[in-house]
Amino acid sequence: MKKKKNIKTIIRQIVREEVAMAIKEVVTELKQPTQSKSQPKKIVEKKSFTKNSILNDVLNETAQDGDWKTMGGGEFTSDRMNELVGGQYGDMMNQQPQQVPSSDPMSQFLNKDYSQVLEKSIEKSKNKIGR
């Protein structure tokens, strides 16, 4: 029984010493001026992108961070579209559509003017509705 009391007092003494040291550290930290000014965090409303809560958290964090907007050395706009698609965008915008040789039956089908057929079908559908 005496050994139990001795162990309890020793443990109490050790705990007091540790707590005292921890308190001293906290007090010295509080007394020192802070080196960096903390910036206030923006409170942003979380959006629901998907039903998966983990994925929503990641997407919201990414949206709030904003680093993705300037990836690749700057913001991607339509002016930089050529970089994004590997030089093909400028070519597409400056080219005339290629004409496929008319000997191919599929190209004849794809390049045929179907405006008259469309007009007739619209006319027919109006007649059916008007009955």
N, C-alpha and C. Protein backbone atom coordinates (compact mmCIF):
# COMPACT_ATOMS: atom_id res chain seq x y z
N MET A 1 0.82 -1.18 0.00
CA MET A 1 0.00 0.00 0.00
C MET A 1 0.87 1.25 0.00
N LYS A 2 1.94 1.18 0.72
CA LYS A 2 2.86 2.30 0.80
C LYS A 2 3.51 2.54 -0.57
N LYS A 3 3.78 1.45 -1.30
CA LYS A 3 4.38 1.56 -2.62
C LYS A 3 3.42 2.26 -3.59
N LYS A 4 2.12 1.97 -3.47
CA LYS A 4 1.12 2.60 -4.34
C LYS A 4 1.10 4.10 -4.11
N LYS A 5 1.15 4.52 -2.85
CA LYS A 5 1.12 5.94 -2.54
C LYS A 5 2.38 6.62 -3.05
N ASN A 6 3.52 5.94 -2.92
CA ASN A 6 4.76 6.51 -3.42
C ASN A 6 4.72 6.67 -4.94
N ILE A 7 4.19 5.68 -5.63
CA ILE A 7 4.09 5.75 -7.09
C ILE A 7 3.14 6.87 -7.48
N LYS A 8 2.01 7.00 -6.78
CA LYS A 8 1.05 8.07 -7.08
C LYS A 8 1.68 9.44 -6.90
N THR A 9 2.40 9.62 -5.84
CA THR A 9 3.02 10.93 -5.60
C THR A 9 4.11 11.22 -6.63
N ILE A 10 4.85 10.20 -7.00
CA ILE A 10 5.88 10.38 -8.02
C ILE A 10 5.24 10.76 -9.35
N ILE A 11 4.16 10.08 -9.72
CA ILE A 11 3.46 10.38 -10.98
C ILE A 11 2.90 11.80 -10.92
N ARG A 12 2.31 12.19 -9.80
CA ARG A 12 1.77 13.54 -9.66
C ARG A 12 2.87 14.58 -9.82
N GLN A 13 3.99 14.32 -9.21
CA GLN A 13 5.11 15.26 -9.28
C GLN A 13 5.60 15.40 -10.72
N ILE A 14 5.73 14.29 -11.42
CA ILE A 14 6.18 14.31 -12.81
C ILE A 14 5.18 15.06 -13.69
N VAL A 15 3.89 14.78 -13.48
CA VAL A 15 2.85 15.44 -14.26
C VAL A 15 2.88 16.94 -14.01
N ARG A 16 3.04 17.37 -12.74
CA ARG A 16 3.10 18.80 -12.42
C ARG A 16 4.28 19.46 -13.12
N GLU A 17 5.42 18.79 -13.09
CA GLU A 17 6.61 19.34 -13.75
C GLU A 17 6.38 19.50 -15.25
N GLU A 18 5.81 18.48 -15.86
CA GLU A 18 5.55 18.53 -17.32
C GLU A 18 4.54 19.62 -17.66
N VAL A 19 3.49 19.74 -16.85
CA VAL A 19 2.48 20.77 -17.08
C VAL A 19 3.10 22.15 -16.92
N ALA A 20 3.92 22.32 -15.90
CA ALA A 20 4.58 23.60 -15.66
C ALA A 20 5.46 23.98 -16.86
N MET A 21 6.23 23.01 -17.38
CA MET A 21 7.08 23.29 -18.54
C MET A 21 6.24 23.66 -19.76
N ALA A 22 5.14 22.96 -19.95
CA ALA A 22 4.27 23.23 -21.10
C ALA A 22 3.65 24.63 -20.99
N ILE A 23 3.26 25.00 -19.76
CA ILE A 23 2.67 26.32 -19.55
C ILE A 23 3.71 27.41 -19.82
N LYS A 24 4.94 27.19 -19.38
CA LYS A 24 6.01 28.17 -19.63
C LYS A 24 6.22 28.36 -21.13
N GLU A 25 6.21 27.27 -21.89
CA GLU A 25 6.38 27.35 -23.34
C GLU A 25 5.25 28.15 -23.98
N VAL A 26 4.03 27.89 -23.54
CA VAL A 26 2.87 28.59 -24.10
C VAL A 26 2.95 30.08 -23.77
N VAL A 27 3.32 30.40 -22.53
CA VAL A 27 3.41 31.80 -22.13
C VAL A 27 4.48 32.54 -22.93
N THR A 28 5.63 31.91 -23.12
CA THR A 28 6.68 32.56 -23.91
C THR A 28 6.26 32.73 -25.36
N GLU A 29 5.53 31.78 -25.91
CA GLU A 29 5.03 31.92 -27.28
C GLU A 29 4.03 33.07 -27.38
N LEU A 30 3.19 33.22 -26.37
CA LEU A 30 2.19 34.29 -26.39
C LEU A 30 2.84 35.66 -26.22
N LYS A 31 3.93 35.73 -25.48
CA LYS A 31 4.61 37.01 -25.25
C LYS A 31 5.37 37.48 -26.48
N GLN A 32 5.87 36.54 -27.30
CA GLN A 32 6.65 36.92 -28.48
C GLN A 32 5.71 37.47 -29.55
N PRO A 33 6.14 38.54 -30.22
CA PRO A 33 5.29 39.06 -31.31
C PRO A 33 5.26 38.06 -32.46
N THR A 34 4.15 37.98 -33.09
CA THR A 34 4.01 37.04 -34.20
C THR A 34 4.82 37.52 -35.38
N GLN A 35 5.50 36.61 -36.04
CA GLN A 35 6.37 36.95 -37.17
C GLN A 35 5.56 37.25 -38.42
N SER A 36 4.57 36.44 -38.69
CA SER A 36 3.79 36.63 -39.91
C SER A 36 2.37 37.01 -39.55
N LYS A 37 1.85 37.94 -40.30
CA LYS A 37 0.47 38.34 -40.09
C LYS A 37 -0.43 37.33 -40.77
N SER A 38 -1.39 36.84 -40.04
CA SER A 38 -2.29 35.86 -40.64
C SER A 38 -3.36 36.59 -41.43
N GLN A 39 -3.60 36.10 -42.62
CA GLN A 39 -4.61 36.71 -43.47
C GLN A 39 -5.96 36.09 -43.13
N PRO A 40 -6.98 36.91 -43.08
CA PRO A 40 -8.30 36.35 -42.78
C PRO A 40 -8.75 35.43 -43.90
N LYS A 41 -9.30 34.32 -43.52
CA LYS A 41 -9.77 33.36 -44.52
C LYS A 41 -11.11 33.82 -45.08
N LYS A 42 -11.26 33.63 -46.36
CA LYS A 42 -12.52 33.97 -46.99
C LYS A 42 -13.54 32.89 -46.67
N ILE A 43 -14.70 33.33 -46.30
CA ILE A 43 -15.77 32.37 -46.05
C ILE A 43 -16.53 32.21 -47.36
N VAL A 44 -16.43 31.03 -47.91
CA VAL A 44 -17.03 30.75 -49.21
C VAL A 44 -18.10 29.68 -49.02
N GLU A 45 -19.21 29.91 -49.64
CA GLU A 45 -20.29 28.94 -49.57
C GLU A 45 -19.91 27.69 -50.34
N LYS A 46 -20.06 26.54 -49.72
CA LYS A 46 -19.72 25.29 -50.39
C LYS A 46 -20.82 24.93 -51.38
N LYS A 47 -20.38 24.54 -52.56
CA LYS A 47 -21.31 24.14 -53.61
C LYS A 47 -21.36 22.62 -53.67
N SER A 48 -22.46 22.12 -54.14
CA SER A 48 -22.61 20.68 -54.30
C SER A 48 -22.44 20.34 -55.77
N PHE A 49 -21.28 19.75 -56.10
CA PHE A 49 -20.99 19.38 -57.47
C PHE A 49 -21.47 17.97 -57.79
N THR A 50 -21.48 17.11 -56.78
CA THR A 50 -21.84 15.71 -56.97
C THR A 50 -22.41 15.16 -55.67
N LYS A 51 -22.95 13.95 -55.72
CA LYS A 51 -23.51 13.34 -54.51
C LYS A 51 -22.43 12.81 -53.57
N ASN A 52 -21.22 12.62 -54.08
CA ASN A 52 -20.11 12.11 -53.30
C ASN A 52 -19.55 13.24 -52.43
N SER A 53 -19.66 13.11 -51.10
CA SER A 53 -19.25 14.18 -50.20
C SER A 53 -17.74 14.43 -50.23
N ILE A 54 -16.96 13.38 -50.36
CA ILE A 54 -15.50 13.54 -50.39
C ILE A 54 -15.09 14.28 -51.65
N LEU A 55 -15.66 13.91 -52.77
CA LEU A 55 -15.36 14.58 -54.03
C LEU A 55 -15.80 16.04 -53.97
N ASN A 56 -16.94 16.31 -53.36
CA ASN A 56 -17.40 17.69 -53.19
C ASN A 56 -16.41 18.51 -52.38
N ASP A 57 -15.88 17.93 -51.29
CA ASP A 57 -14.90 18.64 -50.47
C ASP A 57 -13.66 18.99 -51.28
N VAL A 58 -13.18 18.03 -52.06
CA VAL A 58 -11.98 18.26 -52.87
C VAL A 58 -12.25 19.33 -53.93
N LEU A 59 -13.39 19.26 -54.60
CA LEU A 59 -13.72 20.24 -55.63
C LEU A 59 -13.90 21.63 -55.05
N ASN A 60 -14.55 21.73 -53.89
CA ASN A 60 -14.70 23.03 -53.24
C ASN A 60 -13.36 23.60 -52.81
N GLU A 61 -12.49 22.76 -52.29
CA GLU A 61 -11.15 23.21 -51.90
C GLU A 61 -10.38 23.72 -53.12
N THR A 62 -10.49 23.00 -54.23
CA THR A 62 -9.81 23.41 -55.45
C THR A 62 -10.37 24.74 -55.96
N ALA A 63 -11.68 24.88 -55.92
CA ALA A 63 -12.30 26.12 -56.40
C ALA A 63 -11.90 27.30 -55.54
N GLN A 64 -11.77 27.10 -54.23
CA GLN A 64 -11.40 28.18 -53.32
C GLN A 64 -9.94 28.55 -53.47
N ASP A 65 -9.09 27.58 -53.76
CA ASP A 65 -7.65 27.82 -53.84
C ASP A 65 -7.32 28.77 -54.97
N GLY A 66 -7.81 28.52 -56.16
CA GLY A 66 -7.64 29.42 -57.28
C GLY A 66 -6.31 29.31 -58.01
N ASP A 67 -5.38 28.46 -57.53
CA ASP A 67 -4.10 28.31 -58.23
C ASP A 67 -4.28 27.73 -59.62
N TRP A 68 -5.33 26.97 -59.83
CA TRP A 68 -5.55 26.32 -61.11
C TRP A 68 -5.82 27.34 -62.22
N LYS A 69 -6.23 28.55 -61.86
CA LYS A 69 -6.57 29.54 -62.87
C LYS A 69 -5.36 30.00 -63.67
N THR A 70 -4.19 29.96 -63.06
CA THR A 70 -2.99 30.47 -63.73
C THR A 70 -1.98 29.37 -64.02
N MET A 71 -2.43 28.15 -64.09
CA MET A 71 -1.51 27.06 -64.43
C MET A 71 -0.98 27.27 -65.84
N GLY A 72 0.26 26.95 -66.05
CA GLY A 72 0.85 27.09 -67.37
C GLY A 72 1.33 28.49 -67.67
N GLY A 73 1.57 29.29 -66.64
CA GLY A 73 2.15 30.60 -66.85
C GLY A 73 1.16 31.72 -67.08
N GLY A 74 -0.09 31.49 -66.89
CA GLY A 74 -1.08 32.56 -67.05
C GLY A 74 -2.46 31.98 -67.26
N GLU A 75 -3.43 32.86 -67.25
CA GLU A 75 -4.82 32.44 -67.40
C GLU A 75 -5.09 32.06 -68.85
N PHE A 76 -5.76 30.94 -69.05
CA PHE A 76 -6.08 30.51 -70.41
C PHE A 76 -7.38 31.19 -70.86
N THR A 77 -7.26 31.93 -71.92
CA THR A 77 -8.41 32.57 -72.54
C THR A 77 -8.47 32.11 -73.99
N SER A 78 -9.43 32.61 -74.73
CA SER A 78 -9.52 32.20 -76.13
C SER A 78 -8.30 32.67 -76.93
N ASP A 79 -7.60 33.69 -76.42
CA ASP A 79 -6.38 34.14 -77.11
C ASP A 79 -5.29 33.09 -77.06
N ARG A 80 -5.29 32.27 -76.00
CA ARG A 80 -4.24 31.25 -75.84
C ARG A 80 -4.74 29.85 -76.21
N MET A 81 -5.88 29.78 -76.86
CA MET A 81 -6.47 28.49 -77.21
C MET A 81 -5.53 27.67 -78.09
N ASN A 82 -4.77 28.32 -78.94
CA ASN A 82 -3.84 27.64 -79.83
C ASN A 82 -2.82 26.82 -79.04
N GLU A 83 -2.36 27.37 -77.90
CA GLU A 83 -1.41 26.63 -77.05
C GLU A 83 -2.06 25.38 -76.47
N LEU A 84 -3.32 25.53 -76.08
CA LEU A 84 -4.02 24.45 -75.39
C LEU A 84 -4.26 23.25 -76.29
N VAL A 85 -4.64 23.48 -77.52
CA VAL A 85 -4.96 22.36 -78.41
C VAL A 85 -3.81 22.01 -79.33
N GLY A 86 -2.63 22.50 -79.04
CA GLY A 86 -1.45 22.09 -79.77
C GLY A 86 -1.33 22.65 -81.17
N GLY A 87 -1.72 23.89 -81.36
CA GLY A 87 -1.52 24.52 -82.66
C GLY A 87 -2.59 24.23 -83.68
N GLN A 88 -3.55 23.40 -83.37
CA GLN A 88 -4.57 23.03 -84.34
C GLN A 88 -5.74 24.01 -84.38
N TYR A 89 -5.95 24.74 -83.27
CA TYR A 89 -7.08 25.66 -83.20
C TYR A 89 -6.96 26.78 -84.23
N GLY A 90 -5.77 27.37 -84.32
CA GLY A 90 -5.56 28.44 -85.30
C GLY A 90 -5.77 27.95 -86.71
N ASP A 91 -5.32 26.74 -86.97
CA ASP A 91 -5.51 26.17 -88.30
C ASP A 91 -6.99 25.96 -88.60
N MET A 92 -7.73 25.48 -87.58
CA MET A 92 -9.15 25.23 -87.78
C MET A 92 -9.90 26.54 -88.05
N MET A 93 -9.53 27.60 -87.35
CA MET A 93 -10.24 28.85 -87.47
C MET A 93 -9.94 29.56 -88.80
N ASN A 94 -8.80 29.30 -89.39
CA ASN A 94 -8.40 29.99 -90.61
C ASN A 94 -8.64 29.18 -91.88
N GLN A 95 -9.08 27.96 -91.76
CA GLN A 95 -9.25 27.09 -92.92
C GLN A 95 -10.68 27.10 -93.41
N GLN A 96 -10.82 26.85 -94.68
CA GLN A 96 -12.13 26.60 -95.26
C GLN A 96 -12.41 25.11 -95.10
N PRO A 97 -13.67 24.72 -94.99
CA PRO A 97 -13.95 23.29 -94.86
C PRO A 97 -13.44 22.51 -96.07
N GLN A 98 -12.90 21.36 -95.79
CA GLN A 98 -12.37 20.52 -96.88
C GLN A 98 -13.52 19.87 -97.62
N GLN A 99 -13.42 19.87 -98.92
CA GLN A 99 -14.43 19.23 -99.74
C GLN A 99 -13.97 17.80 -100.04
N VAL A 100 -14.85 16.87 -99.77
CA VAL A 100 -14.53 15.47 -100.03
C VAL A 100 -14.88 15.18 -101.49
N PRO A 101 -14.09 14.37 -102.16
CA PRO A 101 -14.41 14.05 -103.56
C PRO A 101 -15.82 13.50 -103.68
N SER A 102 -16.53 13.93 -104.71
CA SER A 102 -17.94 13.56 -104.86
C SER A 102 -18.15 12.15 -105.40
N SER A 103 -17.10 11.45 -105.75
CA SER A 103 -17.26 10.09 -106.26
C SER A 103 -17.63 9.12 -105.15
N ASP A 104 -17.33 9.45 -103.94
CA ASP A 104 -17.64 8.58 -102.80
C ASP A 104 -19.12 8.74 -102.44
N PRO A 105 -19.89 7.63 -102.39
CA PRO A 105 -21.33 7.75 -102.09
C PRO A 105 -21.61 8.34 -100.70
N MET A 106 -20.75 8.04 -99.75
CA MET A 106 -20.95 8.58 -98.41
C MET A 106 -20.76 10.10 -98.40
N SER A 107 -19.76 10.60 -99.12
CA SER A 107 -19.54 12.04 -99.17
C SER A 107 -20.69 12.73 -99.90
N GLN A 108 -21.26 12.06 -100.93
CA GLN A 108 -22.42 12.63 -101.62
C GLN A 108 -23.59 12.74 -100.64
N PHE A 109 -23.76 11.72 -99.82
CA PHE A 109 -24.84 11.73 -98.83
C PHE A 109 -24.65 12.84 -97.80
N LEU A 110 -23.41 13.01 -97.33
CA LEU A 110 -23.14 14.00 -96.30
C LEU A 110 -23.16 15.43 -96.83
N ASN A 111 -22.78 15.63 -98.07
CA ASN A 111 -22.69 16.98 -98.63
C ASN A 111 -23.94 17.40 -99.39
N LYS A 112 -24.95 16.56 -99.46
CA LYS A 112 -26.16 16.86 -100.21
C LYS A 112 -26.97 17.95 -99.49
N ASP A 113 -27.67 18.77 -100.26
CA ASP A 113 -28.52 19.83 -99.72
C ASP A 113 -29.90 19.23 -99.42
N TYR A 114 -30.21 19.13 -98.14
CA TYR A 114 -31.47 18.52 -97.71
C TYR A 114 -32.52 19.56 -97.34
N SER A 115 -32.34 20.80 -97.72
CA SER A 115 -33.28 21.85 -97.32
C SER A 115 -34.67 21.63 -97.89
N GLN A 116 -34.77 21.17 -99.14
CA GLN A 116 -36.09 20.93 -99.75
C GLN A 116 -36.81 19.78 -99.04
N VAL A 117 -36.08 18.74 -98.69
CA VAL A 117 -36.68 17.60 -97.99
C VAL A 117 -37.21 18.06 -96.64
N LEU A 118 -36.44 18.89 -95.96
CA LEU A 118 -36.84 19.40 -94.65
C LEU A 118 -38.09 20.27 -94.77
N GLU A 119 -38.13 21.12 -95.79
CA GLU A 119 -39.31 21.97 -96.00
C GLU A 119 -40.56 21.13 -96.23
N LYS A 120 -40.45 20.08 -97.03
CA LYS A 120 -41.60 19.20 -97.31
C LYS A 120 -42.08 18.50 -96.03
N SER A 121 -41.12 18.04 -95.20
CA SER A 121 -41.53 17.34 -93.99
C SER A 121 -42.20 18.30 -93.01
N ILE A 122 -41.75 19.54 -92.95
CA ILE A 122 -42.39 20.54 -92.10
C ILE A 122 -43.80 20.84 -92.61
N GLU A 123 -43.92 20.96 -93.90
CA GLU A 123 -45.22 21.21 -94.51
C GLU A 123 -46.20 20.07 -94.22
N LYS A 124 -45.72 18.84 -94.31
CA LYS A 124 -46.54 17.66 -94.04
C LYS A 124 -47.00 17.63 -92.58
N SER A 125 -46.07 17.93 -91.68
CA SER A 125 -46.41 17.88 -90.26
C SER A 125 -47.42 18.98 -89.92
N LYS A 126 -47.34 20.14 -90.56
CA LYS A 126 -48.32 21.22 -90.33
C LYS A 126 -49.71 20.78 -90.81
N ASN A 127 -49.75 20.07 -91.95
CA ASN A 127 -51.03 19.61 -92.49
C ASN A 127 -51.67 18.59 -91.54
N LYS A 128 -50.85 17.71 -90.93
CA LYS A 128 -51.40 16.70 -90.02
C LYS A 128 -51.95 17.37 -88.75
N ILE A 129 -51.26 18.37 -88.26
CA ILE A 129 -51.69 19.07 -87.04
C ILE A 129 -52.96 19.88 -87.33
N GLY A 130 -53.09 20.44 -88.51
CA GLY A 130 -54.21 21.28 -88.88
C GLY A 130 -55.49 20.53 -89.10
N ARG A 131 -55.46 19.23 -89.25
CA ARG A 131 -56.67 18.42 -89.52
C ARG A 131 -57.66 18.46 -88.43
